[in-house]
């Protein structure tokens, strides 16, 4: 992913709400399923890593991205943005 594409996705993520939360149980199968379903429907999601989580936000985001085939766009504080283009119905068109 180029820096121009990353900047474009960061701009899109500003208006998104956090829809995925990683808590004390960490990144389990249920969190992976939620992330996968959300990425399929929205292509870009925000996730939050709670203070009581054993993982840092970077670790949790990297683990979810790896399991779902997504890219980590950015991490700020306890929030991360993930992106995965939809294979069936892409709505976000990245700049070249």
PDB file of N, CA and C in Angstrom:
ATOM      1  N   UNK A   1       0.845  -1.168   0.000  1.00  0.00           N
ATOM      2  CA  UNK A   1       0.000   0.000   0.000  1.00  0.00           C
ATOM      3  C   UNK A   1       0.896   1.238   0.000  1.00  0.00           C
ATOM      4  N   UNK A   2       0.595   2.162  -0.888  1.00  0.00           N
ATOM      5  CA  UNK A   2       1.411   3.378  -0.983  1.00  0.00           C
ATOM      6  C   UNK A   2       0.996   4.383   0.088  1.00  0.00           C
ATOM      7  N   UNK A   3       1.833   5.368   0.302  1.00  0.00           N
ATOM      8  CA  UNK A   3       1.523   6.399   1.302  1.00  0.00           C
ATOM      9  C   UNK A   3       0.309   7.226   0.871  1.00  0.00           C
ATOM     10  N   UNK A   4       0.135   7.420  -0.424  1.00  0.00           N
ATOM     11  CA  UNK A   4      -1.026   8.151  -0.927  1.00  0.00           C
ATOM     12  C   UNK A   4      -2.315   7.375  -0.635  1.00  0.00           C
ATOM     13  N   UNK A   5      -2.277   6.064  -0.843  1.00  0.00           N
ATOM     14  CA  UNK A   5      -3.441   5.226  -0.551  1.00  0.00           C
ATOM     15  C   UNK A   5      -3.725   5.200   0.946  1.00  0.00           C
ATOM     16  N   UNK A   6      -2.673   5.113   1.738  1.00  0.00           N
ATOM     17  CA  UNK A   6      -2.830   5.109   3.196  1.00  0.00           C
ATOM     18  C   UNK A   6      -3.447   6.419   3.685  1.00  0.00           C
ATOM     19  N   UNK A   7      -2.993   7.541   3.137  1.00  0.00           N
ATOM     20  CA  UNK A   7      -3.538   8.850   3.508  1.00  0.00           C
ATOM     21  C   UNK A   7      -5.010   8.953   3.118  1.00  0.00           C
ATOM     22  N   UNK A   8      -5.359   8.428   1.954  1.00  0.00           N
ATOM     23  CA  UNK A   8      -6.753   8.431   1.501  1.00  0.00           C
ATOM     24  C   UNK A   8      -7.632   7.630   2.464  1.00  0.00           C
ATOM     25  N   UNK A   9      -7.169   6.459   2.864  1.00  0.00           N
ATOM     26  CA  UNK A   9      -7.935   5.610   3.787  1.00  0.00           C
ATOM     27  C   UNK A   9      -8.044   6.244   5.174  1.00  0.00           C
ATOM     28  N   UNK A  10      -7.003   6.924   5.617  1.00  0.00           N
ATOM     29  CA  UNK A  10      -7.065   7.626   6.907  1.00  0.00           C
ATOM     30  C   UNK A  10      -8.158   8.675   6.881  1.00  0.00           C
ATOM     31  N   UNK A  11      -8.270   9.389   5.775  1.00  0.00           N
ATOM     32  CA  UNK A  11      -9.313  10.391   5.623  1.00  0.00           C
ATOM     33  C   UNK A  11     -10.702   9.778   5.673  1.00  0.00           C
ATOM     34  N   UNK A  12     -10.877   8.639   5.027  1.00  0.00           N
ATOM     35  CA  UNK A  12     -12.169   7.951   5.061  1.00  0.00           C
ATOM     36  C   UNK A  12     -12.495   7.450   6.465  1.00  0.00           C
ATOM     37  N   UNK A  13     -11.479   7.043   7.200  1.00  0.00           N
ATOM     38  CA  UNK A  13     -11.690   6.458   8.533  1.00  0.00           C
ATOM     39  C   UNK A  13     -12.105   7.497   9.568  1.00  0.00           C
ATOM     40  N   UNK A  14     -11.847   8.776   9.310  1.00  0.00           N
ATOM     41  CA  UNK A  14     -12.199   9.816  10.279  1.00  0.00           C
ATOM     42  C   UNK A  14     -13.669   9.791  10.650  1.00  0.00           C
ATOM     43  N   UNK A  15     -14.533   9.532   9.696  1.00  0.00           N
ATOM     44  CA  UNK A  15     -15.973   9.568   9.955  1.00  0.00           C
ATOM     45  C   UNK A  15     -16.522   8.230  10.447  1.00  0.00           C
ATOM     46  N   UNK A  16     -15.707   7.189  10.477  1.00  0.00           N
ATOM     47  CA  UNK A  16     -16.158   5.866  10.917  1.00  0.00           C
ATOM     48  C   UNK A  16     -16.196   5.782  12.440  1.00  0.00           C
ATOM     49  N   UNK A  17     -17.114   4.981  12.938  1.00  0.00           N
ATOM     50  CA  UNK A  17     -17.212   4.698  14.363  1.00  0.00           C
ATOM     51  C   UNK A  17     -16.452   3.402  14.685  1.00  0.00           C
ATOM     52  N   UNK A  18     -16.020   3.266  15.928  1.00  0.00           N
ATOM     53  CA  UNK A  18     -15.372   2.030  16.372  1.00  0.00           C
ATOM     54  C   UNK A  18     -16.437   0.942  16.425  1.00  0.00           C
ATOM     55  N   UNK A  19     -16.203  -0.158  15.707  1.00  0.00           N
ATOM     56  CA  UNK A  19     -17.204  -1.230  15.677  1.00  0.00           C
ATOM     57  C   UNK A  19     -16.668  -2.560  16.199  1.00  0.00           C
ATOM     58  N   UNK A  20     -15.391  -2.591  16.559  1.00  0.00           N
ATOM     59  CA  UNK A  20     -14.784  -3.826  17.049  1.00  0.00           C
ATOM     60  C   UNK A  20     -13.956  -3.502  18.276  1.00  0.00           C
ATOM     61  N   UNK A  21     -14.137  -4.294  19.323  1.00  0.00           N
ATOM     62  CA  UNK A  21     -13.416  -4.058  20.573  1.00  0.00           C
ATOM     63  C   UNK A  21     -12.681  -5.322  20.988  1.00  0.00           C
ATOM     64  N   UNK A  22     -11.404  -5.158  21.317  1.00  0.00           N
ATOM     65  CA  UNK A  22     -10.591  -6.265  21.829  1.00  0.00           C
ATOM     66  C   UNK A  22     -10.425  -6.039  23.328  1.00  0.00           C
ATOM     67  N   UNK A  23     -10.892  -6.992  24.124  1.00  0.00           N
ATOM     68  CA  UNK A  23     -10.841  -6.857  25.572  1.00  0.00           C
ATOM     69  C   UNK A  23      -9.855  -7.809  26.206  1.00  0.00           C
ATOM     70  N   UNK A  24     -10.157  -8.209  27.446  1.00  0.00           N
ATOM     71  CA  UNK A  24      -9.228  -9.046  28.213  1.00  0.00           C
ATOM     72  C   UNK A  24      -9.049 -10.441  27.622  1.00  0.00           C
ATOM     73  N   UNK A  25     -10.016 -10.898  26.821  1.00  0.00           N
ATOM     74  CA  UNK A  25      -9.899 -12.228  26.211  1.00  0.00           C
ATOM     75  C   UNK A  25      -8.981 -12.231  24.994  1.00  0.00           C
ATOM     76  N   UNK A  26      -8.579 -11.046  24.545  1.00  0.00           N
ATOM     77  CA  UNK A  26      -7.657 -10.960  23.416  1.00  0.00           C
ATOM     78  C   UNK A  26      -8.350 -11.193  22.085  1.00  0.00           C
ATOM     79  N   UNK A  27      -7.577 -11.652  21.127  1.00  0.00           N
ATOM     80  CA  UNK A  27      -8.081 -11.879  19.773  1.00  0.00           C
ATOM     81  C   UNK A  27      -8.431 -13.352  19.634  1.00  0.00           C
ATOM     82  N   UNK A  28      -9.695 -13.660  19.849  1.00  0.00           N
ATOM     83  CA  UNK A  28     -10.170 -15.037  19.736  1.00  0.00           C
ATOM     84  C   UNK A  28     -10.943 -15.237  18.448  1.00  0.00           C
ATOM     85  N   UNK A  29     -11.473 -16.426  18.255  1.00  0.00           N
ATOM     86  CA  UNK A  29     -12.221 -16.737  17.033  1.00  0.00           C
ATOM     87  C   UNK A  29     -13.432 -15.819  16.818  1.00  0.00           C
ATOM     88  N   UNK A  30     -14.091 -15.438  17.902  1.00  0.00           N
ATOM     89  CA  UNK A  30     -15.268 -14.565  17.774  1.00  0.00           C
ATOM     90  C   UNK A  30     -14.869 -13.184  17.271  1.00  0.00           C
ATOM     91  N   UNK A  31     -13.762 -12.642  17.763  1.00  0.00           N
ATOM     92  CA  UNK A  31     -13.285 -11.329  17.319  1.00  0.00           C
ATOM     93  C   UNK A  31     -12.862 -11.399  15.854  1.00  0.00           C
ATOM     94  N   UNK A  32     -12.198 -12.469  15.473  1.00  0.00           N
ATOM     95  CA  UNK A  32     -11.776 -12.651  14.078  1.00  0.00           C
ATOM     96  C   UNK A  32     -13.000 -12.718  13.164  1.00  0.00           C
ATOM     97  N   UNK A  33     -14.020 -13.456  13.574  1.00  0.00           N
ATOM     98  CA  UNK A  33     -15.250 -13.567  12.768  1.00  0.00           C
ATOM     99  C   UNK A  33     -15.924 -12.213  12.635  1.00  0.00           C
ATOM    100  N   UNK A  34     -16.020 -11.457  13.735  1.00  0.00           N
ATOM    101  CA  UNK A  34     -16.627 -10.126  13.683  1.00  0.00           C
ATOM    102  C   UNK A  34     -15.849  -9.210  12.743  1.00  0.00           C
ATOM    103  N   UNK A  35     -14.532  -9.238  12.849  1.00  0.00           N
ATOM    104  CA  UNK A  35     -13.690  -8.402  11.996  1.00  0.00           C
ATOM    105  C   UNK A  35     -13.846  -8.794  10.530  1.00  0.00           C
ATOM    106  N   UNK A  36     -13.852 -10.086  10.255  1.00  0.00           N
ATOM    107  CA  UNK A  36     -13.979 -10.574   8.885  1.00  0.00           C
ATOM    108  C   UNK A  36     -15.318 -10.155   8.286  1.00  0.00           C
ATOM    109  N   UNK A  37     -16.393 -10.325   9.049  1.00  0.00           N
ATOM    110  CA  UNK A  37     -17.730  -9.934   8.581  1.00  0.00           C
ATOM    111  C   UNK A  37     -17.809  -8.431   8.342  1.00  0.00           C
ATOM    112  N   UNK A  38     -17.251  -7.644   9.267  1.00  0.00           N
ATOM    113  CA  UNK A  38     -17.283  -6.188   9.135  1.00  0.00           C
ATOM    114  C   UNK A  38     -16.457  -5.723   7.940  1.00  0.00           C
ATOM    115  N   UNK A  39     -15.300  -6.328   7.735  1.00  0.00           N
ATOM    116  CA  UNK A  39     -14.469  -5.961   6.589  1.00  0.00           C
ATOM    117  C   UNK A  39     -15.152  -6.319   5.272  1.00  0.00           C
ATOM    118  N   UNK A  40     -15.860  -7.425   5.264  1.00  0.00           N
ATOM    119  CA  UNK A  40     -16.576  -7.832   4.064  1.00  0.00           C
ATOM    120  C   UNK A  40     -17.693  -6.836   3.742  1.00  0.00           C
ATOM    121  N   UNK A  41     -18.371  -6.347   4.758  1.00  0.00           N
ATOM    122  CA  UNK A  41     -19.486  -5.426   4.554  1.00  0.00           C
ATOM    123  C   UNK A  41     -19.035  -3.992   4.309  1.00  0.00           C
ATOM    124  N   UNK A  42     -17.970  -3.541   5.012  1.00  0.00           N
ATOM    125  CA  UNK A  42     -17.598  -2.122   4.991  1.00  0.00           C
ATOM    126  C   UNK A  42     -16.281  -1.821   4.300  1.00  0.00           C
ATOM    127  N   UNK A  43     -15.387  -2.764   4.227  1.00  0.00           N
ATOM    128  CA  UNK A  43     -14.030  -2.632   3.685  1.00  0.00           C
ATOM    129  C   UNK A  43     -13.071  -1.895   4.618  1.00  0.00           C
ATOM    130  N   UNK A  44     -13.544  -0.944   5.400  1.00  0.00           N
ATOM    131  CA  UNK A  44     -12.682  -0.228   6.331  1.00  0.00           C
ATOM    132  C   UNK A  44     -13.380  -0.190   7.693  1.00  0.00           C
ATOM    133  N   UNK A  45     -12.638  -0.554   8.739  1.00  0.00           N
ATOM    134  CA  UNK A  45     -13.225  -0.574  10.085  1.00  0.00           C
ATOM    135  C   UNK A  45     -12.246   0.030  11.088  1.00  0.00           C
ATOM    136  N   UNK A  46     -12.825   0.506  12.194  1.00  0.00           N
ATOM    137  CA  UNK A  46     -12.022   0.962  13.324  1.00  0.00           C
ATOM    138  C   UNK A  46     -12.195  -0.040  14.449  1.00  0.00           C
ATOM    139  N   UNK A  47     -11.109  -0.326  15.135  1.00  0.00           N
ATOM    140  CA  UNK A  47     -11.154  -1.219  16.290  1.00  0.00           C
ATOM    141  C   UNK A  47     -10.492  -0.540  17.477  1.00  0.00           C
ATOM    142  N   UNK A  48     -10.939  -0.900  18.662  1.00  0.00           N
ATOM    143  CA  UNK A  48     -10.366  -0.354  19.897  1.00  0.00           C
ATOM    144  C   UNK A  48      -9.831  -1.513  20.725  1.00  0.00           C
ATOM    145  N   UNK A  49      -8.699  -1.279  21.352  1.00  0.00           N
ATOM    146  CA  UNK A  49      -8.102  -2.249  22.258  1.00  0.00           C
ATOM    147  C   UNK A  49      -8.226  -1.687  23.671  1.00  0.00           C
ATOM    148  N   UNK A  50      -8.980  -2.362  24.514  1.00  0.00           N
ATOM    149  CA  UNK A  50      -9.216  -1.876  25.872  1.00  0.00           C
ATOM    150  C   UNK A  50      -7.956  -1.978  26.730  1.00  0.00           C
ATOM    151  N   UNK A  51      -7.931  -1.191  27.809  1.00  0.00           N
ATOM    152  CA  UNK A  51      -6.770  -1.175  28.706  1.00  0.00           C
ATOM    153  C   UNK A  51      -6.512  -2.521  29.361  1.00  0.00           C
ATOM    154  N   UNK A  52      -7.577  -3.315  29.581  1.00  0.00           N
ATOM    155  CA  UNK A  52      -7.401  -4.592  30.265  1.00  0.00           C
ATOM    156  C   UNK A  52      -6.982  -5.715  29.316  1.00  0.00           C
ATOM    157  N   UNK A  53      -6.754  -5.403  28.057  1.00  0.00           N
ATOM    158  CA  UNK A  53      -6.311  -6.407  27.095  1.00  0.00           C
ATOM    159  C   UNK A  53      -4.837  -6.747  27.320  1.00  0.00           C
ATOM    160  N   UNK A  54      -4.497  -8.003  27.117  1.00  0.00           N
ATOM    161  CA  UNK A  54      -3.110  -8.439  27.258  1.00  0.00           C
ATOM    162  C   UNK A  54      -2.258  -7.976  26.073  1.00  0.00           C
ATOM    163  N   UNK A  55      -2.909  -7.609  24.960  1.00  0.00           N
ATOM    164  CA  UNK A  55      -2.207  -7.188  23.754  1.00  0.00           C
ATOM    165  C   UNK A  55      -2.217  -5.673  23.620  1.00  0.00           C
ATOM    166  N   UNK A  56      -1.184  -5.137  23.004  1.00  0.00           N
ATOM    167  CA  UNK A  56      -1.199  -3.714  22.664  1.00  0.00           C
ATOM    168  C   UNK A  56      -2.073  -3.555  21.420  1.00  0.00           C
ATOM    169  N   UNK A  57      -2.450  -2.342  21.109  1.00  0.00           N
ATOM    170  CA  UNK A  57      -3.302  -2.114  19.939  1.00  0.00           C
ATOM    171  C   UNK A  57      -2.578  -2.515  18.656  1.00  0.00           C
ATOM    172  N   UNK A  58      -1.279  -2.290  18.590  1.00  0.00           N
ATOM    173  CA  UNK A  58      -0.516  -2.680  17.397  1.00  0.00           C
ATOM    174  C   UNK A  58      -0.469  -4.188  17.233  1.00  0.00           C
ATOM    175  N   UNK A  59      -0.263  -4.895  18.345  1.00  0.00           N
ATOM    176  CA  UNK A  59      -0.235  -6.362  18.293  1.00  0.00           C
ATOM    177  C   UNK A  59      -1.589  -6.927  17.899  1.00  0.00           C
ATOM    178  N   UNK A  60      -2.660  -6.399  18.503  1.00  0.00           N
ATOM    179  CA  UNK A  60      -4.005  -6.885  18.206  1.00  0.00           C
ATOM    180  C   UNK A  60      -4.373  -6.604  16.756  1.00  0.00           C
ATOM    181  N   UNK A  61      -4.080  -5.394  16.276  1.00  0.00           N
ATOM    182  CA  UNK A  61      -4.399  -5.027  14.895  1.00  0.00           C
ATOM    183  C   UNK A  61      -3.622  -5.892  13.908  1.00  0.00           C
ATOM    184  N   UNK A  62      -2.351  -6.122  14.182  1.00  0.00           N
ATOM    185  CA  UNK A  62      -1.525  -6.947  13.299  1.00  0.00           C
ATOM    186  C   UNK A  62      -2.039  -8.382  13.259  1.00  0.00           C
ATOM    187  N   UNK A  63      -2.443  -8.902  14.406  1.00  0.00           N
ATOM    188  CA  UNK A  63      -2.947 -10.271  14.475  1.00  0.00           C
ATOM    189  C   UNK A  63      -4.271 -10.405  13.718  1.00  0.00           C
ATOM    190  N   UNK A  64      -5.179  -9.455  13.912  1.00  0.00           N
ATOM    191  CA  UNK A  64      -6.464  -9.491  13.208  1.00  0.00           C
ATOM    192  C   UNK A  64      -6.243  -9.327  11.708  1.00  0.00           C
ATOM    193  N   UNK A  65      -5.386  -8.401  11.314  1.00  0.00           N
ATOM    194  CA  UNK A  65      -5.102  -8.175   9.897  1.00  0.00           C
ATOM    195  C   UNK A  65      -4.531  -9.428   9.243  1.00  0.00           C
ATOM    196  N   UNK A  66      -3.623 -10.086   9.920  1.00  0.00           N
ATOM    197  CA  UNK A  66      -3.018 -11.305   9.389  1.00  0.00           C
ATOM    198  C   UNK A  66      -4.060 -12.405   9.215  1.00  0.00           C
ATOM    199  N   UNK A  67      -4.933 -12.576  10.201  1.00  0.00           N
ATOM    200  CA  UNK A  67      -5.943 -13.633  10.157  1.00  0.00           C
ATOM    201  C   UNK A  67      -7.044 -13.348   9.127  1.00  0.00           C
ATOM    202  N   UNK A  68      -7.317 -12.064   8.863  1.00  0.00           N
ATOM    203  CA  UNK A  68      -8.401 -11.689   7.952  1.00  0.00           C
ATOM    204  C   UNK A  68      -7.907 -11.296   6.561  1.00  0.00           C
ATOM    205  N   UNK A  69      -6.602 -11.235   6.369  1.00  0.00           N
ATOM    206  CA  UNK A  69      -6.064 -10.827   5.080  1.00  0.00           C
ATOM    207  C   UNK A  69      -6.253  -9.342   4.817  1.00  0.00           C
ATOM    208  N   UNK A  70      -6.158  -8.542   5.863  1.00  0.00           N
ATOM    209  CA  UNK A  70      -6.373  -7.097   5.758  1.00  0.00           C
ATOM    210  C   UNK A  70      -5.060  -6.351   5.943  1.00  0.00           C
ATOM    211  N   UNK A  71      -5.122  -5.038   5.785  1.00  0.00           N
ATOM    212  CA  UNK A  71      -3.977  -4.158   6.019  1.00  0.00           C
ATOM    213  C   UNK A  71      -4.276  -3.255   7.201  1.00  0.00           C
ATOM    214  N   UNK A  72      -3.269  -3.013   8.030  1.00  0.00           N
ATOM    215  CA  UNK A  72      -3.397  -2.037   9.106  1.00  0.00           C
ATOM    216  C   UNK A  72      -3.079  -0.678   8.498  1.00  0.00           C
ATOM    217  N   UNK A  73      -4.059   0.215   8.488  1.00  0.00           N
ATOM    218  CA  UNK A  73      -3.878   1.539   7.901  1.00  0.00           C
ATOM    219  C   UNK A  73      -3.149   2.443   8.885  1.00  0.00           C
ATOM    220  N   UNK A  74      -3.603   2.443  10.148  1.00  0.00           N
ATOM    221  CA  UNK A  74      -2.956   3.269  11.167  1.00  0.00           C
ATOM    222  C   UNK A  74      -3.365   2.809  12.550  1.00  0.00           C
ATOM    223  N   UNK A  75      -2.547   3.173  13.529  1.00  0.00           N
ATOM    224  CA  UNK A  75      -2.893   2.994  14.938  1.00  0.00           C
ATOM    225  C   UNK A  75      -2.618   4.315  15.641  1.00  0.00           C
ATOM    226  N   UNK A  76      -3.612   4.769  16.394  1.00  0.00           N
ATOM    227  CA  UNK A  76      -3.473   5.999  17.176  1.00  0.00           C
ATOM    228  C   UNK A  76      -4.049   5.712  18.550  1.00  0.00           C
ATOM    229  N   UNK A  77      -3.209   5.844  19.570  1.00  0.00           N
ATOM    230  CA  UNK A  77      -3.671   5.566  20.931  1.00  0.00           C
ATOM    231  C   UNK A  77      -4.137   4.129  21.052  1.00  0.00           C
ATOM    232  N   UNK A  78      -5.397   3.932  21.402  1.00  0.00           N
ATOM    233  CA  UNK A  78      -5.930   2.581  21.552  1.00  0.00           C
ATOM    234  C   UNK A  78      -6.814   2.192  20.374  1.00  0.00           C
ATOM    235  N   UNK A  79      -6.773   2.962  19.285  1.00  0.00           N
ATOM    236  CA  UNK A  79      -7.623   2.716  18.120  1.00  0.00           C
ATOM    237  C   UNK A  79      -6.761   2.377  16.906  1.00  0.00           C
ATOM    238  N   UNK A  80      -7.245   1.408  16.116  1.00  0.00           N
ATOM    239  CA  UNK A  80      -6.569   1.033  14.876  1.00  0.00           C
ATOM    240  C   UNK A  80      -7.592   1.017  13.744  1.00  0.00           C
ATOM    241  N   UNK A  81      -7.111   1.254  12.537  1.00  0.00           N
ATOM    242  CA  UNK A  81      -7.952   1.217  11.345  1.00  0.00           C
ATOM    243  C   UNK A  81      -7.453   0.084  10.459  1.00  0.00           C
ATOM    244  N   UNK A  82      -8.388  -0.772  10.025  1.00  0.00           N
ATOM    245  CA  UNK A  82      -8.070  -1.905   9.161  1.00  0.00           C
ATOM    246  C   UNK A  82      -8.799  -1.753   7.832  1.00  0.00           C
ATOM    247  N   UNK A  83      -8.173  -2.216   6.756  1.00  0.00           N
ATOM    248  CA  UNK A  83      -8.771  -2.127   5.419  1.00  0.00           C
ATOM    249  C   UNK A  83      -8.552  -3.442   4.677  1.00  0.00           C
ATOM    250  N   UNK A  84      -9.608  -3.870   3.990  1.00  0.00           N
ATOM    251  CA  UNK A  84      -9.511  -5.009   3.076  1.00  0.00           C
ATOM    252  C   UNK A  84     -10.503  -4.780   1.945  1.00  0.00           C
ATOM    253  N   UNK A  85     -10.025  -4.774   0.728  1.00  0.00           N
ATOM    254  CA  UNK A  85     -10.899  -4.565  -0.428  1.00  0.00           C
ATOM    255  C   UNK A  85     -11.855  -5.747  -0.561  1.00  0.00           C
ATOM    256  N   UNK A  86     -13.088  -5.449  -0.881  1.00  0.00           N
ATOM    257  CA  UNK A  86     -14.092  -6.487  -1.077  1.00  0.00           C
ATOM    258  C   UNK A  86     -13.872  -7.145  -2.431  1.00  0.00           C
ATOM    259  N   UNK A  87     -13.896  -8.464  -2.448  1.00  0.00           N
ATOM    260  CA  UNK A  87     -13.700  -9.187  -3.701  1.00  0.00           C
ATOM    261  C   UNK A  87     -14.957  -9.128  -4.567  1.00  0.00           C
ATOM    262  N   UNK A  88     -16.129  -9.122  -3.938  1.00  0.00           N
ATOM    263  CA  UNK A  88     -17.386  -9.170  -4.674  1.00  0.00           C
ATOM    264  C   UNK A  88     -17.887  -7.790  -5.079  1.00  0.00           C
ATOM    265  N   UNK A  89     -17.856  -6.840  -4.125  1.00  0.00           N
ATOM    266  CA  UNK A  89     -18.459  -5.532  -4.378  1.00  0.00           C
ATOM    267  C   UNK A  89     -17.572  -4.423  -3.800  1.00  0.00           C
ATOM    268  N   UNK A  90     -16.471  -4.090  -4.457  1.00  0.00           N
ATOM    269  CA  UNK A  90     -15.594  -3.041  -3.911  1.00  0.00           C
ATOM    270  C   UNK A  90     -16.264  -1.675  -3.988  1.00  0.00           C
ATOM    271  N   UNK A  91     -16.323  -0.989  -2.848  1.00  0.00           N
ATOM    272  CA  UNK A  91     -16.933   0.345  -2.783  1.00  0.00           C
ATOM    273  C   UNK A  91     -15.866   1.431  -2.697  1.00  0.00           C
ATOM    274  N   UNK A  92     -14.714   1.085  -2.129  1.00  0.00           N
ATOM    275  CA  UNK A  92     -13.634   2.052  -1.982  1.00  0.00           C
ATOM    276  C   UNK A  92     -12.630   1.831  -3.112  1.00  0.00           C
ATOM    277  N   UNK A  93     -12.388   2.868  -3.879  1.00  0.00           N
ATOM    278  CA  UNK A  93     -11.429   2.784  -4.987  1.00  0.00           C
ATOM    279  C   UNK A  93     -10.197   3.604  -4.594  1.00  0.00           C
ATOM    280  N   UNK A  94      -9.097   2.920  -4.392  1.00  0.00           N
ATOM    281  CA  UNK A  94      -7.859   3.561  -3.951  1.00  0.00           C
ATOM    282  C   UNK A  94      -7.201   4.335  -5.086  1.00  0.00           C
ATOM    283  N   UNK A  95      -6.616   5.498  -4.777  1.00  0.00           N
ATOM    284  CA  UNK A  95      -5.867   6.235  -5.815  1.00  0.00           C
ATOM    285  C   UNK A  95      -4.596   5.473  -6.189  1.00  0.00           C
ATOM    286  N   UNK A  96      -4.115   5.731  -7.374  1.00  0.00           N
ATOM    287  CA  UNK A  96      -2.890   5.052  -7.849  1.00  0.00           C
ATOM    288  C   UNK A  96      -1.652   5.646  -7.235  1.00  0.00           C
TER     289      UNK A  96
END
